[in-house]
């Protein structure tokens, strides 16, 4: 995993680059937040592919558990990926509600993530 700290509009953003899954558990998410905080960023951009696929099956509670940690520690998160082909109404509703709040964002591009996290 490569952690890039970049500044956009005067805000430090942590961008995760990896060919592998970075977040497999709540502990992985906490470790990532600590690492980013150590590098003075409370705003993280990660790709959908870097999160275990089970995260996107809401019935198992993994997404809620992980995203609650981001909220508890006041860390903003942008998950970048293609979410247009989601057939699950509950996941679509979940993404809509997250995007409305602004702390957790599901976006289509890195540029969109940067814009959302630097508002």
PDB file of N, CA and C in Angstrom:
ATOM      1  N   UNK A   1       0.840  -1.180   0.000  1.00  0.00           N
ATOM      2  CA  UNK A   1       0.000   0.000   0.000  1.00  0.00           C
ATOM      3  C   UNK A   1       0.885   1.243   0.000  1.00  0.00           C
ATOM      4  N   UNK A   2       0.493   2.199  -0.804  1.00  0.00           N
ATOM      5  CA  UNK A   2       1.189   3.480  -0.844  1.00  0.00           C
ATOM      6  C   UNK A   2       0.211   4.552  -0.367  1.00  0.00           C
ATOM      7  N   UNK A   3       0.665   5.361   0.553  1.00  0.00           N
ATOM      8  CA  UNK A   3      -0.137   6.448   1.100  1.00  0.00           C
ATOM      9  C   UNK A   3       0.419   7.762   0.569  1.00  0.00           C
ATOM     10  N   UNK A   4      -0.355   8.427  -0.264  1.00  0.00           N
ATOM     11  CA  UNK A   4       0.052   9.719  -0.817  1.00  0.00           C
ATOM     12  C   UNK A   4      -0.684  10.831  -0.085  1.00  0.00           C
ATOM     13  N   UNK A   5       0.067  11.755   0.487  1.00  0.00           N
ATOM     14  CA  UNK A   5      -0.539  12.924   1.129  1.00  0.00           C
ATOM     15  C   UNK A   5      -0.347  14.096   0.169  1.00  0.00           C
ATOM     16  N   UNK A   6      -1.464  14.611  -0.313  1.00  0.00           N
ATOM     17  CA  UNK A   6      -1.443  15.735  -1.248  1.00  0.00           C
ATOM     18  C   UNK A   6      -2.307  16.852  -0.704  1.00  0.00           C
ATOM     19  N   UNK A   7      -2.009  18.051  -1.154  1.00  0.00           N
ATOM     20  CA  UNK A   7      -2.782  19.200  -0.704  1.00  0.00           C
ATOM     21  C   UNK A   7      -3.599  19.742  -1.874  1.00  0.00           C
ATOM     22  N   UNK A   8      -4.901  19.912  -1.642  1.00  0.00           N
ATOM     23  CA  UNK A   8      -5.813  20.467  -2.627  1.00  0.00           C
ATOM     24  C   UNK A   8      -6.631  21.548  -1.944  1.00  0.00           C
ATOM     25  N   UNK A   9      -6.642  22.717  -2.542  1.00  0.00           N
ATOM     26  CA  UNK A   9      -7.383  23.853  -1.982  1.00  0.00           C
ATOM     27  C   UNK A   9      -7.030  24.075  -0.514  1.00  0.00           C
ATOM     28  N   UNK A  10      -5.770  23.863  -0.171  1.00  0.00           N
ATOM     29  CA  UNK A  10      -5.295  24.091   1.194  1.00  0.00           C
ATOM     30  C   UNK A  10      -5.647  22.989   2.181  1.00  0.00           C
ATOM     31  N   UNK A  11      -6.157  21.862   1.689  1.00  0.00           N
ATOM     32  CA  UNK A  11      -6.571  20.753   2.547  1.00  0.00           C
ATOM     33  C   UNK A  11      -5.708  19.533   2.236  1.00  0.00           C
ATOM     34  N   UNK A  12      -5.194  18.878   3.296  1.00  0.00           N
ATOM     35  CA  UNK A  12      -4.407  17.662   3.100  1.00  0.00           C
ATOM     36  C   UNK A  12      -5.334  16.465   2.911  1.00  0.00           C
ATOM     37  N   UNK A  13      -5.106  15.745   1.821  1.00  0.00           N
ATOM     38  CA  UNK A  13      -5.871  14.537   1.523  1.00  0.00           C
ATOM     39  C   UNK A  13      -4.939  13.344   1.483  1.00  0.00           C
ATOM     40  N   UNK A  14      -5.371  12.246   2.051  1.00  0.00           N
ATOM     41  CA  UNK A  14      -4.620  10.995   1.993  1.00  0.00           C
ATOM     42  C   UNK A  14      -5.241  10.139   0.891  1.00  0.00           C
ATOM     43  N   UNK A  15      -4.442   9.842  -0.125  1.00  0.00           N
ATOM     44  CA  UNK A  15      -4.918   8.998  -1.215  1.00  0.00           C
ATOM     45  C   UNK A  15      -4.218   7.643  -1.128  1.00  0.00           C
ATOM     46  N   UNK A  16      -5.015   6.597  -1.068  1.00  0.00           N
ATOM     47  CA  UNK A  16      -4.495   5.244  -0.938  1.00  0.00           C
ATOM     48  C   UNK A  16      -4.303   4.646  -2.331  1.00  0.00           C
ATOM     49  N   UNK A  17      -3.115   4.132  -2.573  1.00  0.00           N
ATOM     50  CA  UNK A  17      -2.829   3.424  -3.820  1.00  0.00           C
ATOM     51  C   UNK A  17      -2.414   2.014  -3.472  1.00  0.00           C
ATOM     52  N   UNK A  18      -3.134   1.049  -4.030  1.00  0.00           N
ATOM     53  CA  UNK A  18      -2.790  -0.342  -3.764  1.00  0.00           C
ATOM     54  C   UNK A  18      -3.436  -1.236  -4.810  1.00  0.00           C
ATOM     55  N   UNK A  19      -2.753  -2.310  -5.126  1.00  0.00           N
ATOM     56  CA  UNK A  19      -3.302  -3.341  -6.004  1.00  0.00           C
ATOM     57  C   UNK A  19      -4.073  -4.381  -5.180  1.00  0.00           C
ATOM     58  N   UNK A  20      -3.998  -4.262  -3.869  1.00  0.00           N
ATOM     59  CA  UNK A  20      -4.581  -5.258  -2.968  1.00  0.00           C
ATOM     60  C   UNK A  20      -5.727  -4.670  -2.152  1.00  0.00           C
ATOM     61  N   UNK A  21      -6.420  -5.533  -1.444  1.00  0.00           N
ATOM     62  CA  UNK A  21      -7.463  -5.093  -0.519  1.00  0.00           C
ATOM     63  C   UNK A  21      -6.765  -4.518   0.715  1.00  0.00           C
ATOM     64  N   UNK A  22      -7.119  -3.311   1.065  1.00  0.00           N
ATOM     65  CA  UNK A  22      -6.513  -2.603   2.199  1.00  0.00           C
ATOM     66  C   UNK A  22      -7.399  -2.723   3.438  1.00  0.00           C
ATOM     67  N   UNK A  23      -8.704  -2.631   3.245  1.00  0.00           N
ATOM     68  CA  UNK A  23      -9.632  -2.714   4.376  1.00  0.00           C
ATOM     69  C   UNK A  23     -10.375  -4.040   4.311  1.00  0.00           C
ATOM     70  N   UNK A  24      -9.998  -4.949   5.218  1.00  0.00           N
ATOM     71  CA  UNK A  24     -10.645  -6.255   5.330  1.00  0.00           C
ATOM     72  C   UNK A  24     -11.467  -6.348   6.612  1.00  0.00           C
ATOM     73  N   UNK A  25     -11.186  -5.432   7.548  1.00  0.00           N
ATOM     74  CA  UNK A  25     -11.829  -5.495   8.862  1.00  0.00           C
ATOM     75  C   UNK A  25     -11.910  -4.095   9.462  1.00  0.00           C
ATOM     76  N   UNK A  26     -12.628  -4.000  10.558  1.00  0.00           N
ATOM     77  CA  UNK A  26     -12.707  -2.738  11.287  1.00  0.00           C
ATOM     78  C   UNK A  26     -11.325  -2.310  11.766  1.00  0.00           C
ATOM     79  N   UNK A  27     -10.529  -3.268  12.192  1.00  0.00           N
ATOM     80  CA  UNK A  27      -9.172  -2.939  12.660  1.00  0.00           C
ATOM     81  C   UNK A  27      -8.325  -2.358  11.527  1.00  0.00           C
ATOM     82  N   UNK A  28      -8.471  -2.885  10.322  1.00  0.00           N
ATOM     83  CA  UNK A  28      -7.739  -2.331   9.171  1.00  0.00           C
ATOM     84  C   UNK A  28      -8.138  -0.873   8.938  1.00  0.00           C
ATOM     85  N   UNK A  29      -9.421  -0.592   9.069  1.00  0.00           N
ATOM     86  CA  UNK A  29      -9.896   0.784   8.891  1.00  0.00           C
ATOM     87  C   UNK A  29      -9.321   1.702   9.971  1.00  0.00           C
ATOM     88  N   UNK A  30      -9.311   1.215  11.203  1.00  0.00           N
ATOM     89  CA  UNK A  30      -8.731   2.001  12.300  1.00  0.00           C
ATOM     90  C   UNK A  30      -7.235   2.240  12.076  1.00  0.00           C
ATOM     91  N   UNK A  31      -6.519   1.210  11.653  1.00  0.00           N
ATOM     92  CA  UNK A  31      -5.084   1.356  11.372  1.00  0.00           C
ATOM     93  C   UNK A  31      -4.844   2.373  10.264  1.00  0.00           C
ATOM     94  N   UNK A  32      -5.681   2.342   9.237  1.00  0.00           N
ATOM     95  CA  UNK A  32      -5.564   3.303   8.144  1.00  0.00           C
ATOM     96  C   UNK A  32      -5.801   4.723   8.637  1.00  0.00           C
ATOM     97  N   UNK A  33      -6.815   4.907   9.467  1.00  0.00           N
ATOM     98  CA  UNK A  33      -7.101   6.236  10.019  1.00  0.00           C
ATOM     99  C   UNK A  33      -5.938   6.747  10.852  1.00  0.00           C
ATOM    100  N   UNK A  34      -5.351   5.891  11.673  1.00  0.00           N
ATOM    101  CA  UNK A  34      -4.213   6.285  12.514  1.00  0.00           C
ATOM    102  C   UNK A  34      -3.033   6.684  11.639  1.00  0.00           C
ATOM    103  N   UNK A  35      -2.764   5.899  10.615  1.00  0.00           N
ATOM    104  CA  UNK A  35      -1.664   6.181   9.706  1.00  0.00           C
ATOM    105  C   UNK A  35      -1.867   7.531   9.001  1.00  0.00           C
ATOM    106  N   UNK A  36      -3.073   7.779   8.547  1.00  0.00           N
ATOM    107  CA  UNK A  36      -3.374   9.048   7.880  1.00  0.00           C
ATOM    108  C   UNK A  36      -3.312  10.219   8.856  1.00  0.00           C
ATOM    109  N   UNK A  37      -3.842  10.020  10.062  1.00  0.00           N
ATOM    110  CA  UNK A  37      -3.790  11.068  11.077  1.00  0.00           C
ATOM    111  C   UNK A  37      -2.346  11.404  11.431  1.00  0.00           C
ATOM    112  N   UNK A  38      -1.497  10.390  11.523  1.00  0.00           N
ATOM    113  CA  UNK A  38      -0.068  10.600  11.788  1.00  0.00           C
ATOM    114  C   UNK A  38       0.549  11.484  10.701  1.00  0.00           C
ATOM    115  N   UNK A  39       0.025  11.356   9.482  1.00  0.00           N
ATOM    116  CA  UNK A  39       0.489  12.170   8.352  1.00  0.00           C
ATOM    117  C   UNK A  39      -0.357  13.429   8.171  1.00  0.00           C
ATOM    118  N   UNK A  40      -1.092  13.778   9.222  1.00  0.00           N
ATOM    119  CA  UNK A  40      -1.856  15.029   9.324  1.00  0.00           C
ATOM    120  C   UNK A  40      -2.999  15.146   8.328  1.00  0.00           C
ATOM    121  N   UNK A  41      -3.665  14.034   8.063  1.00  0.00           N
ATOM    122  CA  UNK A  41      -4.844  14.082   7.202  1.00  0.00           C
ATOM    123  C   UNK A  41      -5.989  13.312   7.839  1.00  0.00           C
ATOM    124  N   UNK A  42      -7.145  13.952   7.880  1.00  0.00           N
ATOM    125  CA  UNK A  42      -8.360  13.310   8.371  1.00  0.00           C
ATOM    126  C   UNK A  42      -9.360  13.169   7.229  1.00  0.00           C
ATOM    127  N   UNK A  43      -8.815  13.157   6.000  1.00  0.00           N
ATOM    128  CA  UNK A  43      -9.637  13.001   4.806  1.00  0.00           C
ATOM    129  C   UNK A  43      -8.948  11.973   3.920  1.00  0.00           C
ATOM    130  N   UNK A  44      -9.669  10.876   3.648  1.00  0.00           N
ATOM    131  CA  UNK A  44      -9.064   9.724   2.974  1.00  0.00           C
ATOM    132  C   UNK A  44      -9.823   9.381   1.693  1.00  0.00           C
ATOM    133  N   UNK A  45      -9.049   9.120   0.652  1.00  0.00           N
ATOM    134  CA  UNK A  45      -9.600   8.650  -0.622  1.00  0.00           C
ATOM    135  C   UNK A  45      -9.110   7.224  -0.842  1.00  0.00           C
ATOM    136  N   UNK A  46     -10.048   6.315  -1.064  1.00  0.00           N
ATOM    137  CA  UNK A  46      -9.707   4.907  -1.307  1.00  0.00           C
ATOM    138  C   UNK A  46     -10.598   4.383  -2.429  1.00  0.00           C
ATOM    139  N   UNK A  47     -10.085   3.454  -3.188  1.00  0.00           N
ATOM    140  CA  UNK A  47     -10.853   2.857  -4.276  1.00  0.00           C
ATOM    141  C   UNK A  47     -11.710   1.696  -3.764  1.00  0.00           C
ATOM    142  N   UNK A  48     -12.833   1.538  -4.416  1.00  0.00           N
ATOM    143  CA  UNK A  48     -13.776   0.462  -4.094  1.00  0.00           C
ATOM    144  C   UNK A  48     -13.077  -0.901  -4.069  1.00  0.00           C
ATOM    145  N   UNK A  49     -12.140  -1.113  -4.988  1.00  0.00           N
ATOM    146  CA  UNK A  49     -11.431  -2.386  -5.104  1.00  0.00           C
ATOM    147  C   UNK A  49     -10.505  -2.657  -3.916  1.00  0.00           C
ATOM    148  N   UNK A  50     -10.215  -1.627  -3.123  1.00  0.00           N
ATOM    149  CA  UNK A  50      -9.329  -1.788  -1.972  1.00  0.00           C
ATOM    150  C   UNK A  50     -10.087  -2.138  -0.691  1.00  0.00           C
ATOM    151  N   UNK A  51     -11.383  -2.385  -0.834  1.00  0.00           N
ATOM    152  CA  UNK A  51     -12.237  -2.749   0.300  1.00  0.00           C
ATOM    153  C   UNK A  51     -12.839  -4.125  -0.001  1.00  0.00           C
ATOM    154  N   UNK A  52     -12.889  -4.984   1.007  1.00  0.00           N
ATOM    155  CA  UNK A  52     -13.430  -6.325   0.771  1.00  0.00           C
ATOM    156  C   UNK A  52     -14.826  -6.245   0.139  1.00  0.00           C
ATOM    157  N   UNK A  53     -15.118  -7.126  -0.812  1.00  0.00           N
ATOM    158  CA  UNK A  53     -16.431  -7.107  -1.473  1.00  0.00           C
ATOM    159  C   UNK A  53     -17.597  -7.260  -0.501  1.00  0.00           C
ATOM    160  N   UNK A  54     -17.397  -7.992   0.580  1.00  0.00           N
ATOM    161  CA  UNK A  54     -18.468  -8.194   1.567  1.00  0.00           C
ATOM    162  C   UNK A  54     -18.952  -6.884   2.182  1.00  0.00           C
ATOM    163  N   UNK A  55     -18.112  -5.861   2.143  1.00  0.00           N
ATOM    164  CA  UNK A  55     -18.466  -4.538   2.653  1.00  0.00           C
ATOM    165  C   UNK A  55     -19.762  -4.042   2.000  1.00  0.00           C
ATOM    166  N   UNK A  56     -19.948  -4.388   0.724  1.00  0.00           N
ATOM    167  CA  UNK A  56     -21.072  -3.867  -0.043  1.00  0.00           C
ATOM    168  C   UNK A  56     -22.343  -4.711   0.074  1.00  0.00           C
ATOM    169  N   UNK A  57     -22.324  -5.747   0.946  1.00  0.00           N
ATOM    170  CA  UNK A  57     -23.520  -6.522   1.272  1.00  0.00           C
ATOM    171  C   UNK A  57     -23.960  -6.072   2.658  1.00  0.00           C
ATOM    172  N   UNK A  58     -24.905  -5.167   2.688  1.00  0.00           N
ATOM    173  CA  UNK A  58     -25.261  -4.484   3.934  1.00  0.00           C
ATOM    174  C   UNK A  58     -25.793  -5.415   5.029  1.00  0.00           C
ATOM    175  N   UNK A  59     -26.374  -6.526   4.658  1.00  0.00           N
ATOM    176  CA  UNK A  59     -26.970  -7.426   5.663  1.00  0.00           C
ATOM    177  C   UNK A  59     -25.962  -7.947   6.672  1.00  0.00           C
ATOM    178  N   UNK A  60     -24.681  -8.041   6.279  1.00  0.00           N
ATOM    179  CA  UNK A  60     -23.690  -8.590   7.208  1.00  0.00           C
ATOM    180  C   UNK A  60     -23.178  -7.552   8.210  1.00  0.00           C
ATOM    181  N   UNK A  61     -23.494  -6.291   8.012  1.00  0.00           N
ATOM    182  CA  UNK A  61     -23.149  -5.248   8.980  1.00  0.00           C
ATOM    183  C   UNK A  61     -21.730  -4.719   8.910  1.00  0.00           C
ATOM    184  N   UNK A  62     -20.914  -5.241   7.996  1.00  0.00           N
ATOM    185  CA  UNK A  62     -19.508  -4.812   7.915  1.00  0.00           C
ATOM    186  C   UNK A  62     -19.403  -3.329   7.564  1.00  0.00           C
ATOM    187  N   UNK A  63     -20.158  -2.879   6.565  1.00  0.00           N
ATOM    188  CA  UNK A  63     -20.091  -1.468   6.161  1.00  0.00           C
ATOM    189  C   UNK A  63     -20.472  -0.551   7.318  1.00  0.00           C
ATOM    190  N   UNK A  64     -21.549  -0.864   7.994  1.00  0.00           N
ATOM    191  CA  UNK A  64     -21.985  -0.039   9.113  1.00  0.00           C
ATOM    192  C   UNK A  64     -20.947   0.035  10.216  1.00  0.00           C
ATOM    193  N   UNK A  65     -20.359  -1.107  10.524  1.00  0.00           N
ATOM    194  CA  UNK A  65     -19.350  -1.170  11.578  1.00  0.00           C
ATOM    195  C   UNK A  65     -18.110  -0.341  11.209  1.00  0.00           C
ATOM    196  N   UNK A  66     -17.642  -0.500   9.988  1.00  0.00           N
ATOM    197  CA  UNK A  66     -16.445   0.223   9.550  1.00  0.00           C
ATOM    198  C   UNK A  66     -16.717   1.718   9.430  1.00  0.00           C
ATOM    199  N   UNK A  67     -17.816   2.072   8.781  1.00  0.00           N
ATOM    200  CA  UNK A  67     -18.101   3.495   8.559  1.00  0.00           C
ATOM    201  C   UNK A  67     -18.431   4.224   9.852  1.00  0.00           C
ATOM    202  N   UNK A  68     -18.942   3.505  10.839  1.00  0.00           N
ATOM    203  CA  UNK A  68     -19.193   4.124  12.145  1.00  0.00           C
ATOM    204  C   UNK A  68     -17.891   4.605  12.764  1.00  0.00           C
ATOM    205  N   UNK A  69     -16.815   3.863  12.561  1.00  0.00           N
ATOM    206  CA  UNK A  69     -15.497   4.275  13.084  1.00  0.00           C
ATOM    207  C   UNK A  69     -15.049   5.584  12.443  1.00  0.00           C
ATOM    208  N   UNK A  70     -15.266   5.723  11.138  1.00  0.00           N
ATOM    209  CA  UNK A  70     -14.898   6.974  10.468  1.00  0.00           C
ATOM    210  C   UNK A  70     -15.682   8.142  11.062  1.00  0.00           C
ATOM    211  N   UNK A  71     -16.963   7.930  11.322  1.00  0.00           N
ATOM    212  CA  UNK A  71     -17.783   8.984  11.927  1.00  0.00           C
ATOM    213  C   UNK A  71     -17.345   9.280  13.356  1.00  0.00           C
ATOM    214  N   UNK A  72     -17.093   8.228  14.138  1.00  0.00           N
ATOM    215  CA  UNK A  72     -16.688   8.418  15.536  1.00  0.00           C
ATOM    216  C   UNK A  72     -15.404   9.233  15.662  1.00  0.00           C
ATOM    217  N   UNK A  73     -14.479   9.037  14.732  1.00  0.00           N
ATOM    218  CA  UNK A  73     -13.179   9.708  14.800  1.00  0.00           C
ATOM    219  C   UNK A  73     -13.094  10.930  13.878  1.00  0.00           C
ATOM    220  N   UNK A  74     -14.258  11.376  13.381  1.00  0.00           N
ATOM    221  CA  UNK A  74     -14.342  12.589  12.551  1.00  0.00           C
ATOM    222  C   UNK A  74     -13.399  12.561  11.360  1.00  0.00           C
ATOM    223  N   UNK A  75     -13.351  11.405  10.700  1.00  0.00           N
ATOM    224  CA  UNK A  75     -12.530  11.241   9.503  1.00  0.00           C
ATOM    225  C   UNK A  75     -13.474  11.166   8.308  1.00  0.00           C
ATOM    226  N   UNK A  76     -13.209  11.993   7.295  1.00  0.00           N
ATOM    227  CA  UNK A  76     -14.003  11.958   6.075  1.00  0.00           C
ATOM    228  C   UNK A  76     -13.417  10.928   5.128  1.00  0.00           C
ATOM    229  N   UNK A  77     -14.286  10.251   4.394  1.00  0.00           N
ATOM    230  CA  UNK A  77     -13.870   9.181   3.506  1.00  0.00           C
ATOM    231  C   UNK A  77     -14.568   9.326   2.169  1.00  0.00           C
ATOM    232  N   UNK A  78     -13.795   9.142   1.099  1.00  0.00           N
ATOM    233  CA  UNK A  78     -14.369   9.058  -0.239  1.00  0.00           C
ATOM    234  C   UNK A  78     -13.988   7.700  -0.814  1.00  0.00           C
ATOM    235  N   UNK A  79     -14.999   6.933  -1.202  1.00  0.00           N
ATOM    236  CA  UNK A  79     -14.789   5.637  -1.833  1.00  0.00           C
ATOM    237  C   UNK A  79     -15.040   5.832  -3.324  1.00  0.00           C
ATOM    238  N   UNK A  80     -14.002   5.579  -4.123  1.00  0.00           N
ATOM    239  CA  UNK A  80     -14.063   5.828  -5.560  1.00  0.00           C
ATOM    240  C   UNK A  80     -14.352   4.530  -6.297  1.00  0.00           C
ATOM    241  N   UNK A  81     -15.361   4.564  -7.148  1.00  0.00           N
ATOM    242  CA  UNK A  81     -15.681   3.380  -7.940  1.00  0.00           C
ATOM    243  C   UNK A  81     -16.924   3.600  -8.775  1.00  0.00           C
ATOM    244  N   UNK A  82     -17.277   2.594  -9.533  1.00  0.00           N
ATOM    245  CA  UNK A  82     -18.488   2.634 -10.342  1.00  0.00           C
ATOM    246  C   UNK A  82     -19.619   2.023  -9.520  1.00  0.00           C
ATOM    247  N   UNK A  83     -20.556   2.858  -9.148  1.00  0.00           N
ATOM    248  CA  UNK A  83     -21.686   2.403  -8.338  1.00  0.00           C
ATOM    249  C   UNK A  83     -22.990   2.453  -9.131  1.00  0.00           C
ATOM    250  N   UNK A  84     -22.884   2.651 -10.446  1.00  0.00           N
ATOM    251  CA  UNK A  84     -24.074   2.804 -11.285  1.00  0.00           C
ATOM    252  C   UNK A  84     -24.810   1.493 -11.534  1.00  0.00           C
ATOM    253  N   UNK A  85     -24.121   0.364 -11.420  1.00  0.00           N
ATOM    254  CA  UNK A  85     -24.750  -0.914 -11.739  1.00  0.00           C
ATOM    255  C   UNK A  85     -25.271  -1.664 -10.516  1.00  0.00           C
ATOM    256  N   UNK A  86     -25.405  -0.976  -9.406  1.00  0.00           N
ATOM    257  CA  UNK A  86     -25.876  -1.622  -8.172  1.00  0.00           C
ATOM    258  C   UNK A  86     -27.362  -1.941  -8.299  1.00  0.00           C
ATOM    259  N   UNK A  87     -27.692  -3.197  -8.057  1.00  0.00           N
ATOM    260  CA  UNK A  87     -29.078  -3.634  -8.162  1.00  0.00           C
ATOM    261  C   UNK A  87     -29.804  -3.641  -6.816  1.00  0.00           C
ATOM    262  N   UNK A  88     -29.055  -3.528  -5.733  1.00  0.00           N
ATOM    263  CA  UNK A  88     -29.628  -3.567  -4.391  1.00  0.00           C
ATOM    264  C   UNK A  88     -30.221  -2.209  -4.022  1.00  0.00           C
ATOM    265  N   UNK A  89     -31.519  -2.177  -3.787  1.00  0.00           N
ATOM    266  CA  UNK A  89     -32.169  -0.930  -3.388  1.00  0.00           C
ATOM    267  C   UNK A  89     -31.614  -0.428  -2.060  1.00  0.00           C
ATOM    268  N   UNK A  90     -31.376  -1.345  -1.125  1.00  0.00           N
ATOM    269  CA  UNK A  90     -30.877  -0.922   0.186  1.00  0.00           C
ATOM    270  C   UNK A  90     -29.473  -0.321   0.070  1.00  0.00           C
ATOM    271  N   UNK A  91     -28.617  -0.882  -0.791  1.00  0.00           N
ATOM    272  CA  UNK A  91     -27.283  -0.312  -0.975  1.00  0.00           C
ATOM    273  C   UNK A  91     -27.364   1.036  -1.684  1.00  0.00           C
ATOM    274  N   UNK A  92     -28.227   1.148  -2.674  1.00  0.00           N
ATOM    275  CA  UNK A  92     -28.422   2.446  -3.341  1.00  0.00           C
ATOM    276  C   UNK A  92     -28.906   3.500  -2.351  1.00  0.00           C
ATOM    277  N   UNK A  93     -29.848   3.128  -1.491  1.00  0.00           N
ATOM    278  CA  UNK A  93     -30.354   4.051  -0.474  1.00  0.00           C
ATOM    279  C   UNK A  93     -29.246   4.436   0.513  1.00  0.00           C
ATOM    280  N   UNK A  94     -28.454   3.450   0.897  1.00  0.00           N
ATOM    281  CA  UNK A  94     -27.341   3.678   1.820  1.00  0.00           C
ATOM    282  C   UNK A  94     -26.348   4.673   1.217  1.00  0.00           C
ATOM    283  N   UNK A  95     -25.973   4.473  -0.030  1.00  0.00           N
ATOM    284  CA  UNK A  95     -25.034   5.368  -0.720  1.00  0.00           C
ATOM    285  C   UNK A  95     -25.622   6.772  -0.812  1.00  0.00           C
ATOM    286  N   UNK A  96     -26.903   6.863  -1.150  1.00  0.00           N
ATOM    287  CA  UNK A  96     -27.570   8.158  -1.249  1.00  0.00           C
ATOM    288  C   UNK A  96     -27.508   8.901   0.090  1.00  0.00           C
ATOM    289  N   UNK A  97     -27.843   8.209   1.171  1.00  0.00           N
ATOM    290  CA  UNK A  97     -27.835   8.836   2.502  1.00  0.00           C
ATOM    291  C   UNK A  97     -26.426   9.250   2.923  1.00  0.00           C
ATOM    292  N   UNK A  98     -25.445   8.396   2.653  1.00  0.00           N
ATOM    293  CA  UNK A  98     -24.059   8.745   2.981  1.00  0.00           C
ATOM    294  C   UNK A  98     -23.626  10.005   2.236  1.00  0.00           C
ATOM    295  N   UNK A  99     -23.910  10.046   0.945  1.00  0.00           N
ATOM    296  CA  UNK A  99     -23.501  11.196   0.132  1.00  0.00           C
ATOM    297  C   UNK A  99     -24.201  12.484   0.562  1.00  0.00           C
ATOM    298  N   UNK A 100     -25.410  12.351   1.076  1.00  0.00           N
ATOM    299  CA  UNK A 100     -26.145  13.522   1.561  1.00  0.00           C
ATOM    300  C   UNK A 100     -25.458  14.133   2.778  1.00  0.00           C
ATOM    301  N   UNK A 101     -24.967  13.274   3.660  1.00  0.00           N
ATOM    302  CA  UNK A 101     -24.325  13.714   4.893  1.00  0.00           C
ATOM    303  C   UNK A 101     -22.970  14.359   4.631  1.00  0.00           C
ATOM    304  N   UNK A 102     -22.174  13.769   3.730  1.00  0.00           N
ATOM    305  CA  UNK A 102     -20.882  14.356   3.376  1.00  0.00           C
ATOM    306  C   UNK A 102     -19.674  13.810   4.115  1.00  0.00           C
ATOM    307  N   UNK A 103     -19.873  13.091   5.199  1.00  0.00           N
ATOM    308  CA  UNK A 103     -18.725  12.523   5.917  1.00  0.00           C
ATOM    309  C   UNK A 103     -18.187  11.310   5.150  1.00  0.00           C
ATOM    310  N   UNK A 104     -19.088  10.484   4.643  1.00  0.00           N
ATOM    311  CA  UNK A 104     -18.732   9.342   3.813  1.00  0.00           C
ATOM    312  C   UNK A 104     -19.298   9.617   2.427  1.00  0.00           C
ATOM    313  N   UNK A 105     -18.448   9.484   1.401  1.00  0.00           N
ATOM    314  CA  UNK A 105     -18.875   9.792   0.042  1.00  0.00           C
ATOM    315  C   UNK A 105     -18.553   8.633  -0.889  1.00  0.00           C
ATOM    316  N   UNK A 106     -19.499   8.279  -1.722  1.00  0.00           N
ATOM    317  CA  UNK A 106     -19.296   7.288  -2.773  1.00  0.00           C
ATOM    318  C   UNK A 106     -19.279   8.074  -4.077  1.00  0.00           C
ATOM    319  N   UNK A 107     -18.136   8.090  -4.754  1.00  0.00           N
ATOM    320  CA  UNK A 107     -17.955   8.940  -5.926  1.00  0.00           C
ATOM    321  C   UNK A 107     -17.392   8.134  -7.096  1.00  0.00           C
ATOM    322  N   UNK A 108     -17.472   8.731  -8.290  1.00  0.00           N
ATOM    323  CA  UNK A 108     -17.046   8.038  -9.492  1.00  0.00           C
ATOM    324  C   UNK A 108     -15.611   8.266  -9.909  1.00  0.00           C
ATOM    325  N   UNK A 109     -14.940   9.264  -9.339  1.00  0.00           N
ATOM    326  CA  UNK A 109     -13.570   9.556  -9.766  1.00  0.00           C
ATOM    327  C   UNK A 109     -12.760  10.176  -8.627  1.00  0.00           C
ATOM    328  N   UNK A 110     -11.447  10.116  -8.787  1.00  0.00           N
ATOM    329  CA  UNK A 110     -10.544  10.731  -7.807  1.00  0.00           C
ATOM    330  C   UNK A 110     -10.804  12.239  -7.767  1.00  0.00           C
ATOM    331  N   UNK A 111     -10.991  12.844  -8.920  1.00  0.00           N
ATOM    332  CA  UNK A 111     -11.248  14.292  -8.971  1.00  0.00           C
ATOM    333  C   UNK A 111     -12.513  14.652  -8.192  1.00  0.00           C
ATOM    334  N   UNK A 112     -13.558  13.866  -8.367  1.00  0.00           N
ATOM    335  CA  UNK A 112     -14.798  14.099  -7.628  1.00  0.00           C
ATOM    336  C   UNK A 112     -14.563  13.943  -6.121  1.00  0.00           C
ATOM    337  N   UNK A 113     -13.759  12.962  -5.746  1.00  0.00           N
ATOM    338  CA  UNK A 113     -13.425  12.750  -4.335  1.00  0.00           C
ATOM    339  C   UNK A 113     -12.703  13.970  -3.773  1.00  0.00           C
ATOM    340  N   UNK A 114     -11.738  14.480  -4.516  1.00  0.00           N
ATOM    341  CA  UNK A 114     -10.994  15.667  -4.066  1.00  0.00           C
ATOM    342  C   UNK A 114     -11.922  16.857  -3.870  1.00  0.00           C
ATOM    343  N   UNK A 115     -12.849  17.041  -4.782  1.00  0.00           N
ATOM    344  CA  UNK A 115     -13.792  18.153  -4.677  1.00  0.00           C
ATOM    345  C   UNK A 115     -14.674  17.986  -3.444  1.00  0.00           C
ATOM    346  N   UNK A 116     -15.227  16.786  -3.252  1.00  0.00           N
ATOM    347  CA  UNK A 116     -16.101  16.519  -2.100  1.00  0.00           C
ATOM    348  C   UNK A 116     -15.384  16.736  -0.770  1.00  0.00           C
ATOM    349  N   UNK A 117     -14.146  16.302  -0.688  1.00  0.00           N
ATOM    350  CA  UNK A 117     -13.422  16.368   0.581  1.00  0.00           C
ATOM    351  C   UNK A 117     -12.798  17.725   0.862  1.00  0.00           C
ATOM    352  N   UNK A 118     -12.805  18.619  -0.109  1.00  0.00           N
ATOM    353  CA  UNK A 118     -12.198  19.933   0.121  1.00  0.00           C
ATOM    354  C   UNK A 118     -13.226  21.056   0.133  1.00  0.00           C
ATOM    355  N   UNK A 119     -14.507  20.699   0.168  1.00  0.00           N
ATOM    356  CA  UNK A 119     -15.564  21.728   0.249  1.00  0.00           C
ATOM    357  C   UNK A 119     -15.537  22.416   1.579  1.00  0.00           C
TER     358      UNK A 119
END
